[in-house]
Amino acid sequence: MGLFLLQMSDESEMILTAGRATRTDTGDIGFERVDACGNWSRFCTVAGGQIKAAYARKTDGDGAERWEPQPSTGRWWAY
């Protein structure tokens, strides 16, 4: 499971837990979960126009936690 932070265009923030997050060519960010058979399904999509910035929670080599910025353009996925 991953932890994701979205900074919204209205200055609010949203934190979600999901198996992975994906960004589409149109800028929408989808959050997906996986079932016991390994099948992924999207359970939430946030429109790109509502998102100011996206971050994924990561652990550094020394064990420190941090929010890693995700690209604001192009397709990506984060776990």
C-alpha atoms as a PDB file:
ATOM      1  CA  MET A   1       0.000   0.000   0.000  1.00  0.00           C
ATOM      2  CA  GLY A   2       1.130   3.502  -0.778  1.00  0.00           C
ATOM      3  CA  LEU A   3       0.315   6.815   0.838  1.00  0.00           C
ATOM      4  CA  PHE A   4      -0.351   9.757  -1.479  1.00  0.00           C
ATOM      5  CA  LEU A   5      -0.836  13.487  -0.919  1.00  0.00           C
ATOM      6  CA  LEU A   6      -2.632  15.748  -3.392  1.00  0.00           C
ATOM      7  CA  GLN A   7      -2.443  19.521  -3.074  1.00  0.00           C
ATOM      8  CA  MET A   8      -5.640  20.761  -4.640  1.00  0.00           C
ATOM      9  CA  SER A   9      -6.104  23.906  -6.744  1.00  0.00           C
ATOM     10  CA  ASP A  10      -8.398  25.350  -4.015  1.00  0.00           C
ATOM     11  CA  GLU A  11      -5.446  25.085  -1.544  1.00  0.00           C
ATOM     12  CA  SER A  12      -6.913  22.078   0.308  1.00  0.00           C
ATOM     13  CA  GLU A  13      -5.087  18.756   0.634  1.00  0.00           C
ATOM     14  CA  MET A  14      -6.184  15.166   0.182  1.00  0.00           C
ATOM     15  CA  ILE A  15      -4.353  12.117   1.563  1.00  0.00           C
ATOM     16  CA  LEU A  16      -5.223   8.704   0.130  1.00  0.00           C
ATOM     17  CA  THR A  17      -4.052   5.165   0.730  1.00  0.00           C
ATOM     18  CA  ALA A  18      -3.967   2.970  -2.375  1.00  0.00           C
ATOM     19  CA  GLY A  19      -2.052   0.139  -3.948  1.00  0.00           C
ATOM     20  CA  ARG A  20      -0.776   2.576  -6.581  1.00  0.00           C
ATOM     21  CA  ALA A  21      -1.484   5.942  -8.160  1.00  0.00           C
ATOM     22  CA  THR A  22      -1.362   6.654 -11.893  1.00  0.00           C
ATOM     23  CA  ARG A  23      -1.389   9.877 -13.912  1.00  0.00           C
ATOM     24  CA  THR A  24      -3.040   9.860 -17.326  1.00  0.00           C
ATOM     25  CA  ASP A  25      -2.104  11.861 -20.430  1.00  0.00           C
ATOM     26  CA  THR A  26      -4.958  14.252 -19.591  1.00  0.00           C
ATOM     27  CA  GLY A  27      -3.563  14.906 -16.103  1.00  0.00           C
ATOM     28  CA  ASP A  28      -6.167  12.947 -14.135  1.00  0.00           C
ATOM     29  CA  ILE A  29      -4.804  10.927 -11.225  1.00  0.00           C
ATOM     30  CA  GLY A  30      -6.360   7.543 -10.545  1.00  0.00           C
ATOM     31  CA  PHE A  31      -5.973   5.476  -7.400  1.00  0.00           C
ATOM     32  CA  GLU A  32      -6.036   1.703  -7.710  1.00  0.00           C
ATOM     33  CA  ARG A  33      -6.165  -1.361  -5.494  1.00  0.00           C
ATOM     34  CA  VAL A  34      -5.262  -4.969  -6.231  1.00  0.00           C
ATOM     35  CA  ASP A  35      -7.245  -8.080  -5.385  1.00  0.00           C
ATOM     36  CA  ALA A  36      -5.910 -11.458  -4.205  1.00  0.00           C
ATOM     37  CA  CYS A  37      -5.566 -12.614  -7.840  1.00  0.00           C
ATOM     38  CA  GLY A  38      -3.369  -9.649  -8.818  1.00  0.00           C
ATOM     39  CA  ASN A  39      -6.068  -7.752 -10.741  1.00  0.00           C
ATOM     40  CA  TRP A  40      -5.875  -3.948 -10.450  1.00  0.00           C
ATOM     41  CA  SER A  41      -9.026  -1.804 -10.317  1.00  0.00           C
ATOM     42  CA  ARG A  42      -9.443   1.952 -10.030  1.00  0.00           C
ATOM     43  CA  PHE A  43     -11.510   3.117  -7.060  1.00  0.00           C
ATOM     44  CA  CYS A  44     -11.007   6.890  -7.259  1.00  0.00           C
ATOM     45  CA  THR A  45     -10.116   9.406  -9.974  1.00  0.00           C
ATOM     46  CA  VAL A  46      -9.328  13.084  -9.388  1.00  0.00           C
ATOM     47  CA  ALA A  47      -9.549  15.430 -12.373  1.00  0.00           C
ATOM     48  CA  GLY A  48      -6.254  17.010 -13.385  1.00  0.00           C
ATOM     49  CA  GLY A  49      -7.714  20.521 -13.270  1.00  0.00           C
ATOM     50  CA  GLN A  50      -8.329  20.134  -9.533  1.00  0.00           C
ATOM     51  CA  ILE A  51      -4.724  19.129  -8.734  1.00  0.00           C
ATOM     52  CA  LYS A  52      -1.916  21.568  -7.992  1.00  0.00           C
ATOM     53  CA  ALA A  53       0.720  18.941  -7.004  1.00  0.00           C
ATOM     54  CA  ALA A  54       0.964  15.228  -6.218  1.00  0.00           C
ATOM     55  CA  TYR A  55       3.310  13.431  -3.821  1.00  0.00           C
ATOM     56  CA  ALA A  56       4.017   9.825  -2.883  1.00  0.00           C
ATOM     57  CA  ARG A  57       5.267   8.893   0.611  1.00  0.00           C
ATOM     58  CA  LYS A  58       8.718   7.298   0.356  1.00  0.00           C
ATOM     59  CA  THR A  59      11.294   5.931   2.780  1.00  0.00           C
ATOM     60  CA  ASP A  60      14.910   7.038   2.323  1.00  0.00           C
ATOM     61  CA  GLY A  61      17.834   4.640   2.673  1.00  0.00           C
ATOM     62  CA  ASP A  62      18.362   5.816   6.270  1.00  0.00           C
ATOM     63  CA  GLY A  63      14.720   5.080   7.155  1.00  0.00           C
ATOM     64  CA  ALA A  64      13.500   8.692   7.082  1.00  0.00           C
ATOM     65  CA  GLU A  65      10.029   9.268   5.620  1.00  0.00           C
ATOM     66  CA  ARG A  66       9.424  12.035   3.065  1.00  0.00           C
ATOM     67  CA  TRP A  67       6.910  13.209   0.461  1.00  0.00           C
ATOM     68  CA  GLU A  68       8.373  12.660  -3.013  1.00  0.00           C
ATOM     69  CA  PRO A  69       6.980  15.067  -5.647  1.00  0.00           C
ATOM     70  CA  GLN A  70       5.483  13.364  -8.698  1.00  0.00           C
ATOM     71  CA  PRO A  71       5.848  14.855 -12.205  1.00  0.00           C
ATOM     72  CA  SER A  72       3.226  17.423 -13.206  1.00  0.00           C
ATOM     73  CA  THR A  73       3.320  16.316 -16.854  1.00  0.00           C
ATOM     74  CA  GLY A  74       3.263  13.006 -18.689  1.00  0.00           C
ATOM     75  CA  ARG A  75       2.143   9.575 -17.566  1.00  0.00           C
ATOM     76  CA  TRP A  76       3.481   8.039 -14.354  1.00  0.00           C
ATOM     77  CA  TRP A  77       2.626   5.540 -11.677  1.00  0.00           C
ATOM     78  CA  ALA A  78       3.786   5.330  -8.073  1.00  0.00           C
ATOM     79  CA  TYR A  79       3.544   2.578  -5.475  1.00  0.00           C
END
